[in-house]
Amino acid sequence: MNQQPELFFVTGELSGDIHAAGLARELAGMTDVRLTGAGGPHMRQAAVATDFDSTNWGAIGLPQAIRKIPYLLVQKKRIVNMIEQRQPALLILIDFGAFNVRLARTVRQACPDQRIMYYFPPSSWRRRPHDWSFLAELVDMVATPFKWSAQQLRNCGVPAHWVGHPVVDRFSDQEDAAAFRRQQDLPDGDPVVGLMPGSRDVERNCIGPQLLAAAKLLHSKLPEAQFLWSVLSKAQPSKLDRRAATAHYITPLADSRSLILASDIVVTTSGTATLEATAALRPLIMVYRGTLAMQIQARFMDFGTDYFAMPNIIAQRRIVPELIQNEVNPQRLCKEVLDLYTDISRQEQMKQELTEVRAELGPPGAARRAAQLALTLIADQDKLQSVQTSAVREGLQ
């Protein structure tokens, strides 16, 4: 194996950027590698040389996706050309399935011997059986965060390993909320509600105004309530972020981890943030609201799940409230938060159920296990067939 082999990452969304950064740090700590690829600020903080800034590559809804297709086709071609020229030791795809699956297919055709690993494979959260056999021809290995995903993939002939979810490493159920509140100068004893309108513009534009109006209404009923508002960047606040900052009872905060750990209740859009609140054992309410075009599209789509909040998907029952589309309005939000805040026994029951869900995410060390799997792919191929990864040794499969 050549010295300092190149590992090329590709992701296109915030959550993937975070997962890739964690994996990159583990790899850099294990061996001498050169980390490059397409990613965002978290990967750059992890010393990944991003040849492509993919911060805004993600899309929600068919109209937005269609608008991005020409640009993404150009980026895909550029990435394939770069892979052909540089021949990295390993191509690591992280989530972003609509793009990365097509990229893997093109790379397989252009560079048949290129080794490819998929970390967080497409729709890994999906519980219903699905035919994933096409992945067996596209990738050499899959590292997936969910146990059922690994089983489904293996049933389809895909070399998949369950490594657990890295959110367990980032959020501890033993964190002291009071310490995080003091960091934000929040009064002791006052109720604190975390508001997380999402990481994409369309989410924030559809959900954000409803959350701000709900906070205003809730503050009129519970004057001592304080709110933490999730901003993507304090250096470049959006119009919505600036509006949130004008309310004396709202504190903008760019660190989502601190926001969750300082909150009594978290109101968040669907996705990774619901798992973050779960790992921190914070009672939460999941909200999702899209544009009219997205609502119409959703009526004709099969999402492959009866639930939308990740803790509910994992538990296969409703643990946390889910407010969808027109249910996301100030009056309903205010009622849901008040009902949950004033019902201590319900909070404790939710925390107990979230504890069970957290256990399903596996033990700490997911990124480390994924990194060890990645290193087997750039090791001698004779060893690859018989390697016993630490993921297996630790009881994961």
Protein backbone atom coordinates (compact mmCIF):
# COMPACT_ATOMS: atom_id res chain seq x y z
CA MET A 1 0.00 0.00 0.00
CA ASN A 2 1.35 3.39 -0.96
CA GLN A 3 2.23 5.83 1.77
CA GLN A 4 -0.47 8.31 2.67
CA PRO A 5 -3.29 6.79 0.60
CA GLU A 6 -6.05 9.17 -0.45
CA LEU A 7 -9.56 8.68 0.90
CA PHE A 8 -12.15 10.65 -1.06
CA PHE A 9 -15.42 11.52 0.75
CA VAL A 10 -18.67 12.59 -0.91
CA THR A 11 -21.69 13.95 0.91
CA GLY A 12 -24.19 16.70 0.18
CA GLU A 13 -26.10 17.53 3.35
CA LEU A 14 -25.39 18.85 6.84
CA SER A 15 -25.94 15.57 8.66
CA GLY A 16 -23.67 13.74 6.22
CA ASP A 17 -21.06 16.47 6.63
CA ILE A 18 -21.11 15.87 10.40
CA HIS A 19 -20.90 12.08 10.04
CA ALA A 20 -18.07 12.36 7.51
CA ALA A 21 -16.13 14.66 9.84
CA GLY A 22 -16.39 12.14 12.68
CA LEU A 23 -15.21 9.35 10.41
CA ALA A 24 -12.36 11.49 9.08
CA ARG A 25 -11.07 12.23 12.58
CA GLU A 26 -11.06 8.55 13.45
CA LEU A 27 -9.21 7.64 10.26
CA ALA A 28 -6.62 10.38 10.75
CA GLY A 29 -6.00 9.10 14.28
CA MET A 30 -5.46 5.52 13.11
CA THR A 31 -3.14 5.87 10.15
CA ASP A 32 -1.39 8.31 7.82
CA VAL A 33 -3.96 9.15 5.14
CA ARG A 34 -4.83 12.07 2.90
CA LEU A 35 -8.47 13.07 3.30
CA THR A 36 -10.20 14.83 0.41
CA GLY A 37 -13.61 15.09 -1.19
CA ALA A 38 -16.92 16.94 -1.42
CA GLY A 39 -18.27 18.28 1.82
CA GLY A 40 -18.91 21.24 4.06
CA PRO A 41 -17.62 23.13 7.09
CA HIS A 42 -17.53 20.17 9.49
CA MET A 43 -15.34 18.17 7.14
CA ARG A 44 -13.01 21.14 6.70
CA GLN A 45 -12.76 21.47 10.49
CA ALA A 46 -11.75 17.80 10.52
CA ALA A 47 -8.85 18.61 8.13
CA VAL A 48 -10.54 17.19 5.04
CA ALA A 49 -9.40 19.04 1.90
CA THR A 50 -12.74 19.65 0.20
CA ASP A 51 -12.24 19.88 -3.55
CA PHE A 52 -15.98 20.58 -3.77
CA ASP A 53 -18.15 22.57 -1.38
CA SER A 54 -21.35 20.52 -1.28
CA THR A 55 -23.03 22.49 1.51
CA ASN A 56 -26.04 23.37 -0.65
CA TRP A 57 -26.28 20.28 -2.84
CA GLY A 58 -29.22 18.76 -0.96
CA ALA A 59 -32.83 19.33 -1.96
CA ILE A 60 -36.27 18.68 -0.52
CA GLY A 61 -39.23 18.13 -2.77
CA LEU A 62 -39.44 17.47 -6.48
CA PRO A 63 -39.44 21.10 -7.71
CA GLN A 64 -36.24 21.99 -5.86
CA ALA A 65 -34.59 18.71 -6.87
CA ILE A 66 -35.38 19.29 -10.54
CA ARG A 67 -33.84 22.76 -10.43
CA LYS A 68 -30.59 21.34 -9.06
CA ILE A 69 -30.23 18.46 -11.52
CA PRO A 70 -28.17 20.31 -14.19
CA TYR A 71 -25.72 21.65 -11.61
CA LEU A 72 -25.35 18.30 -9.87
CA LEU A 73 -24.79 16.48 -13.14
CA VAL A 74 -21.85 18.78 -13.78
CA GLN A 75 -20.48 18.15 -10.27
CA LYS A 76 -20.85 14.40 -10.70
CA LYS A 77 -18.87 14.49 -13.92
CA ARG A 78 -16.15 16.58 -12.26
CA ILE A 79 -15.91 14.15 -9.36
CA VAL A 80 -15.68 11.14 -11.67
CA ASN A 81 -12.94 12.84 -13.71
CA MET A 82 -11.02 13.60 -10.52
CA ILE A 83 -11.34 10.00 -9.34
CA GLU A 84 -10.11 8.74 -12.71
CA GLN A 85 -7.09 11.02 -12.49
CA ARG A 86 -6.16 10.58 -8.83
CA GLN A 87 -7.29 6.98 -8.28
CA PRO A 88 -7.91 7.32 -4.52
CA ALA A 89 -7.38 4.27 -2.37
CA LEU A 90 -11.00 4.48 -1.26
CA LEU A 91 -14.13 6.39 -2.24
CA ILE A 92 -16.37 6.89 0.81
CA LEU A 93 -19.98 7.84 0.11
CA ILE A 94 -21.99 9.27 3.01
CA ASP A 95 -25.80 9.36 2.82
CA PHE A 96 -27.12 11.67 0.01
CA GLY A 97 -28.47 8.64 -1.84
CA ALA A 98 -30.11 10.34 -4.83
CA PHE A 99 -26.68 11.62 -5.89
CA ASN A 100 -24.27 9.09 -4.42
CA VAL A 101 -25.91 5.97 -5.84
CA ARG A 102 -25.68 7.46 -9.33
CA LEU A 103 -22.12 8.52 -8.65
CA ALA A 104 -21.20 4.99 -7.55
CA ARG A 105 -22.74 3.55 -10.72
CA THR A 106 -20.79 5.93 -12.96
CA VAL A 107 -17.54 5.35 -11.06
CA ARG A 108 -18.01 1.57 -11.37
CA GLN A 109 -18.30 1.94 -15.12
CA ALA A 110 -15.38 4.34 -15.47
CA CYS A 111 -13.09 2.76 -12.85
CA PRO A 112 -14.12 -0.88 -12.28
CA ASP A 113 -11.35 -1.48 -9.71
CA GLN A 114 -12.12 1.56 -7.58
CA ARG A 115 -12.88 0.52 -4.01
CA ILE A 116 -16.07 2.06 -2.68
CA MET A 117 -17.53 2.15 0.82
CA TYR A 118 -20.97 3.48 1.68
CA TYR A 119 -21.36 4.96 5.18
CA PHE A 120 -25.01 5.69 6.04
CA PRO A 121 -26.49 3.95 2.98
CA PRO A 122 -29.65 5.30 1.29
CA SER A 123 -32.80 5.19 3.43
CA SER A 124 -31.03 3.19 6.12
CA TRP A 125 -33.84 4.17 8.49
CA ARG A 126 -36.44 2.35 6.38
CA ARG A 127 -37.97 -0.57 8.31
CA ARG A 128 -40.02 -2.08 5.49
CA PRO A 129 -38.18 -4.67 3.36
CA HIS A 130 -36.73 -3.28 0.16
CA ASP A 131 -34.65 -4.70 -2.70
CA TRP A 132 -31.12 -3.37 -2.15
CA SER A 133 -29.40 -5.95 -4.36
CA PHE A 134 -28.25 -3.26 -6.81
CA LEU A 135 -25.87 -1.95 -4.15
CA ALA A 136 -23.95 -5.23 -4.18
CA GLU A 137 -22.67 -4.37 -7.67
CA LEU A 138 -21.80 -0.78 -6.78
CA VAL A 139 -19.97 -0.91 -3.46
CA ASP A 140 -17.41 -3.10 -1.73
CA MET A 141 -18.74 -2.52 1.77
CA VAL A 142 -21.55 -0.78 3.62
CA ALA A 143 -21.37 0.57 7.17
CA THR A 144 -24.87 1.27 8.40
CA PRO A 145 -26.11 2.87 11.64
CA PHE A 146 -29.15 0.64 12.13
CA LYS A 147 -29.28 -3.08 12.92
CA TRP A 148 -32.29 -3.80 10.71
CA SER A 149 -30.62 -2.00 7.79
CA ALA A 150 -27.59 -4.31 7.96
CA GLN A 151 -29.83 -7.37 8.00
CA GLN A 152 -31.91 -6.18 5.04
CA LEU A 153 -28.79 -5.37 3.04
CA ARG A 154 -27.15 -8.73 3.77
CA ASN A 155 -30.37 -10.49 2.77
CA CYS A 156 -29.93 -8.79 -0.61
CA GLY A 157 -26.32 -9.90 -0.96
CA VAL A 158 -24.76 -6.57 0.07
CA PRO A 159 -21.61 -6.80 2.28
CA ALA A 160 -23.04 -4.74 5.12
CA HIS A 161 -22.00 -4.19 8.73
CA TRP A 162 -23.94 -2.60 11.55
CA VAL A 163 -21.62 -0.10 13.27
CA GLY A 164 -24.14 1.81 15.38
CA HIS A 165 -25.01 5.49 15.24
CA PRO A 166 -22.38 8.18 15.98
CA VAL A 167 -24.97 10.40 17.64
CA VAL A 168 -24.42 8.31 20.77
CA ASP A 169 -20.87 9.68 21.01
CA ARG A 170 -21.94 13.30 20.58
CA PHE A 171 -24.77 13.32 23.12
CA SER A 172 -24.62 11.85 26.59
CA ASP A 173 -27.69 11.13 28.70
CA GLN A 174 -25.68 12.28 31.75
CA GLU A 175 -25.03 15.87 30.64
CA ASP A 176 -25.87 18.60 33.17
CA ALA A 177 -28.50 20.87 31.61
CA ALA A 178 -27.84 23.60 34.20
CA ALA A 179 -24.25 24.00 33.03
CA PHE A 180 -25.33 24.58 29.44
CA ARG A 181 -27.96 27.08 30.57
CA ARG A 182 -25.41 29.06 32.51
CA GLN A 183 -23.30 29.29 29.36
CA GLN A 184 -26.22 31.08 27.69
CA ASP A 185 -27.00 33.25 30.75
CA LEU A 186 -30.42 31.63 31.13
CA PRO A 187 -32.10 32.04 34.53
CA ASP A 188 -32.10 28.95 36.73
CA GLY A 189 -35.47 27.28 37.03
CA ASP A 190 -37.11 28.90 34.01
CA PRO A 191 -38.53 26.55 31.36
CA VAL A 192 -36.31 26.36 28.28
CA VAL A 193 -37.64 25.28 24.89
CA GLY A 194 -35.26 24.52 22.01
CA LEU A 195 -36.53 25.46 18.55
CA MET A 196 -34.87 23.73 15.58
CA PRO A 197 -36.46 24.63 12.22
CA GLY A 198 -34.08 22.50 10.15
CA SER A 199 -30.92 22.93 8.11
CA ARG A 200 -32.37 23.53 4.64
CA ASP A 201 -33.78 26.84 3.46
CA VAL A 202 -37.12 25.39 2.43
CA GLU A 203 -37.57 23.81 5.86
CA ARG A 204 -36.63 26.96 7.71
CA ASN A 205 -38.89 29.12 5.53
CA CYS A 206 -41.90 26.83 6.02
CA ILE A 207 -41.39 25.84 9.65
CA GLY A 208 -39.46 28.77 11.13
CA PRO A 209 -42.25 31.39 11.08
CA GLN A 210 -44.62 28.92 12.73
CA LEU A 211 -42.11 28.25 15.50
CA LEU A 212 -41.52 31.95 16.11
CA ALA A 213 -45.25 32.65 16.28
CA ALA A 214 -45.70 29.70 18.64
CA ALA A 215 -42.91 31.00 20.87
CA LYS A 216 -44.60 34.40 21.07
CA LEU A 217 -47.93 32.80 21.97
CA LEU A 218 -46.34 30.44 24.49
CA HIS A 219 -44.44 33.31 26.11
CA SER A 220 -47.73 35.19 26.59
CA LYS A 221 -49.11 32.17 28.49
CA LEU A 222 -45.86 31.27 30.25
CA PRO A 223 -43.91 34.54 30.65
CA GLU A 224 -40.93 32.90 32.35
CA ALA A 225 -40.32 30.63 29.34
CA GLN A 226 -37.04 31.06 27.48
CA PHE A 227 -36.36 29.85 23.94
CA LEU A 228 -33.19 28.78 22.16
CA TRP A 229 -33.28 29.29 18.40
CA SER A 230 -31.05 27.16 16.16
CA VAL A 231 -29.08 29.22 13.63
CA LEU A 232 -26.85 27.69 11.00
CA SER A 233 -24.28 30.47 11.21
CA LYS A 234 -23.97 33.38 13.61
CA ALA A 235 -21.63 35.05 11.15
CA GLN A 236 -24.24 34.99 8.39
CA PRO A 237 -27.68 35.05 10.03
CA SER A 238 -30.68 34.75 7.76
CA LYS A 239 -33.59 37.17 7.75
CA LEU A 240 -35.49 34.67 9.90
CA ASP A 241 -32.57 34.41 12.35
CA ARG A 242 -32.41 38.19 12.67
CA ARG A 243 -36.13 38.27 13.33
CA ALA A 244 -35.76 35.65 16.07
CA ALA A 245 -32.97 37.67 17.70
CA THR A 246 -35.27 40.69 18.19
CA ALA A 247 -37.39 38.83 20.76
CA HIS A 248 -35.96 39.28 24.27
CA TYR A 249 -37.08 35.78 25.26
CA ILE A 250 -35.26 34.08 22.35
CA THR A 251 -31.53 33.33 22.30
CA PRO A 252 -30.03 32.43 18.89
CA LEU A 253 -27.53 29.60 19.16
CA ALA A 254 -25.37 28.02 16.45
CA ASP A 255 -24.30 25.02 18.54
CA SER A 256 -27.12 22.50 18.22
CA ARG A 257 -25.57 20.25 20.85
CA SER A 258 -25.64 22.96 23.50
CA LEU A 259 -29.15 23.94 22.45
CA ILE A 260 -30.50 20.44 22.94
CA LEU A 261 -28.69 19.82 26.22
CA ALA A 262 -29.87 23.15 27.68
CA SER A 263 -33.52 22.54 26.80
CA ASP A 264 -36.36 21.04 28.81
CA ILE A 265 -38.26 20.34 25.60
CA VAL A 266 -37.02 20.33 22.00
CA VAL A 267 -39.28 21.21 19.07
CA THR A 268 -37.50 20.05 15.94
CA THR A 269 -38.04 19.17 12.35
CA SER A 270 -37.72 15.54 11.33
CA GLY A 271 -34.33 13.98 10.72
CA THR A 272 -31.09 13.65 12.65
CA ALA A 273 -32.06 16.29 15.22
CA THR A 274 -34.75 13.96 16.57
CA LEU A 275 -32.05 11.35 17.17
CA GLU A 276 -29.83 13.94 18.83
CA ALA A 277 -32.62 14.82 21.26
CA THR A 278 -33.22 11.10 21.79
CA ALA A 279 -29.57 10.45 22.64
CA ALA A 280 -29.68 13.34 25.12
CA LEU A 281 -32.96 12.00 26.56
CA ARG A 282 -34.72 15.31 26.03
CA PRO A 283 -38.52 15.25 25.59
CA LEU A 284 -39.28 16.37 22.06
CA ILE A 285 -41.98 17.26 19.58
CA MET A 286 -41.34 16.59 15.89
CA VAL A 287 -42.71 19.01 13.31
CA TYR A 288 -42.66 19.01 9.54
CA ARG A 289 -44.22 21.41 7.09
CA GLY A 290 -43.39 21.92 3.41
CA THR A 291 -44.47 24.09 0.55
CA LEU A 292 -47.82 23.53 -1.17
CA ALA A 293 -46.03 21.71 -4.00
CA MET A 294 -44.30 19.45 -1.47
CA GLN A 295 -47.62 18.74 0.27
CA ILE A 296 -49.22 17.73 -3.03
CA GLN A 297 -46.22 15.56 -3.88
CA ALA A 298 -46.37 13.85 -0.48
CA ARG A 299 -49.93 12.66 -1.13
CA PHE A 300 -48.69 10.48 -3.96
CA MET A 301 -45.52 9.18 -2.31
CA ASP A 302 -44.88 6.06 -0.29
CA PHE A 303 -42.36 7.04 2.37
CA GLY A 304 -41.88 3.45 3.46
CA THR A 305 -42.79 4.21 7.07
CA ASP A 306 -45.83 4.78 9.26
CA TYR A 307 -43.87 7.29 11.34
CA PHE A 308 -41.68 10.30 10.63
CA ALA A 309 -39.78 10.99 13.87
CA MET A 310 -36.71 8.76 14.11
CA PRO A 311 -37.41 7.57 17.68
CA ASN A 312 -40.88 6.48 16.56
CA ILE A 313 -39.46 4.73 13.48
CA ILE A 314 -36.95 2.85 15.62
CA ALA A 315 -39.48 1.91 18.29
CA GLN A 316 -42.22 1.22 15.73
CA ARG A 317 -44.68 3.06 17.94
CA ARG A 318 -45.52 6.66 18.72
CA ILE A 319 -43.22 7.82 21.51
CA VAL A 320 -43.01 11.50 20.60
CA PRO A 321 -45.72 13.72 19.04
CA GLU A 322 -45.56 14.24 15.29
CA LEU A 323 -47.11 17.37 13.79
CA ILE A 324 -47.28 17.28 10.00
CA GLN A 325 -48.07 20.01 7.46
CA ASN A 326 -51.04 22.17 8.57
CA GLU A 327 -50.84 20.75 12.09
CA VAL A 328 -47.70 22.89 12.41
CA ASN A 329 -49.37 26.13 13.45
CA PRO A 330 -48.83 28.44 16.45
CA GLN A 331 -51.93 27.36 18.38
CA ARG A 332 -51.28 23.62 18.05
CA LEU A 333 -47.57 24.02 18.80
CA CYS A 334 -48.28 26.11 21.88
CA LYS A 335 -50.76 23.53 23.17
CA GLU A 336 -48.41 20.59 22.56
CA VAL A 337 -45.51 22.26 24.38
CA LEU A 338 -47.67 23.37 27.32
CA ASP A 339 -49.28 19.94 27.65
CA LEU A 340 -45.90 18.22 27.68
CA TYR A 341 -44.23 20.74 29.98
CA THR A 342 -46.98 20.60 32.61
CA ASP A 343 -47.27 16.79 32.57
CA ILE A 344 -44.18 15.61 34.48
CA SER A 345 -45.24 11.96 34.44
CA ARG A 346 -45.55 12.10 30.64
CA GLN A 347 -42.07 13.59 30.41
CA GLU A 348 -40.63 10.81 32.55
CA GLN A 349 -42.42 8.17 30.53
CA MET A 350 -41.07 9.67 27.30
CA LYS A 351 -37.53 9.74 28.72
CA GLN A 352 -37.81 6.08 29.66
CA GLU A 353 -38.94 5.15 26.18
CA LEU A 354 -36.22 7.31 24.64
CA THR A 355 -33.70 5.41 26.79
CA GLU A 356 -34.86 2.19 25.13
CA VAL A 357 -34.53 3.76 21.68
CA ARG A 358 -31.06 5.05 22.51
CA ALA A 359 -29.99 1.49 23.34
CA GLU A 360 -31.01 0.46 19.80
CA LEU A 361 -28.44 2.90 18.39
CA GLY A 362 -25.59 0.71 19.59
CA PRO A 363 -22.69 1.42 21.96
CA PRO A 364 -20.33 4.39 21.61
CA GLY A 365 -17.65 4.14 18.94
CA ALA A 366 -19.67 3.97 15.69
CA ALA A 367 -17.29 6.21 13.74
CA ARG A 368 -14.29 4.24 15.04
CA ARG A 369 -15.85 0.96 13.89
CA ALA A 370 -16.65 2.48 10.48
CA ALA A 371 -13.06 3.71 10.19
CA GLN A 372 -11.71 0.24 10.95
CA LEU A 373 -13.94 -1.19 8.23
CA ALA A 374 -12.66 1.44 5.81
CA LEU A 375 -9.07 0.52 6.55
CA THR A 376 -9.74 -3.12 5.70
CA LEU A 377 -10.69 -1.98 2.21
CA ILE A 378 -7.36 -0.31 1.60
CA ALA A 379 -5.42 -3.20 3.13
CA ASP A 380 -4.16 -6.21 1.23
CA GLN A 381 -7.08 -7.88 -0.56
CA ASP A 382 -6.05 -11.36 0.62
CA LYS A 383 -6.57 -10.19 4.17
CA LEU A 384 -9.89 -8.58 3.35
CA GLN A 385 -11.66 -11.89 2.84
CA SER A 386 -10.84 -13.17 6.32
CA VAL A 387 -10.75 -9.97 8.31
CA GLN A 388 -12.62 -9.99 11.59
CA THR A 389 -13.55 -6.39 12.21
CA SER A 390 -13.86 -4.86 15.63
CA ALA A 391 -17.51 -4.20 14.79
CA VAL A 392 -18.06 -7.95 14.93
CA ARG A 393 -15.83 -8.42 17.95
CA GLU A 394 -17.84 -5.82 19.87
CA GLY A 395 -21.06 -7.67 19.18
CA LEU A 396 -22.24 -5.66 16.17
CA GLN A 397 -22.79 -7.27 12.80
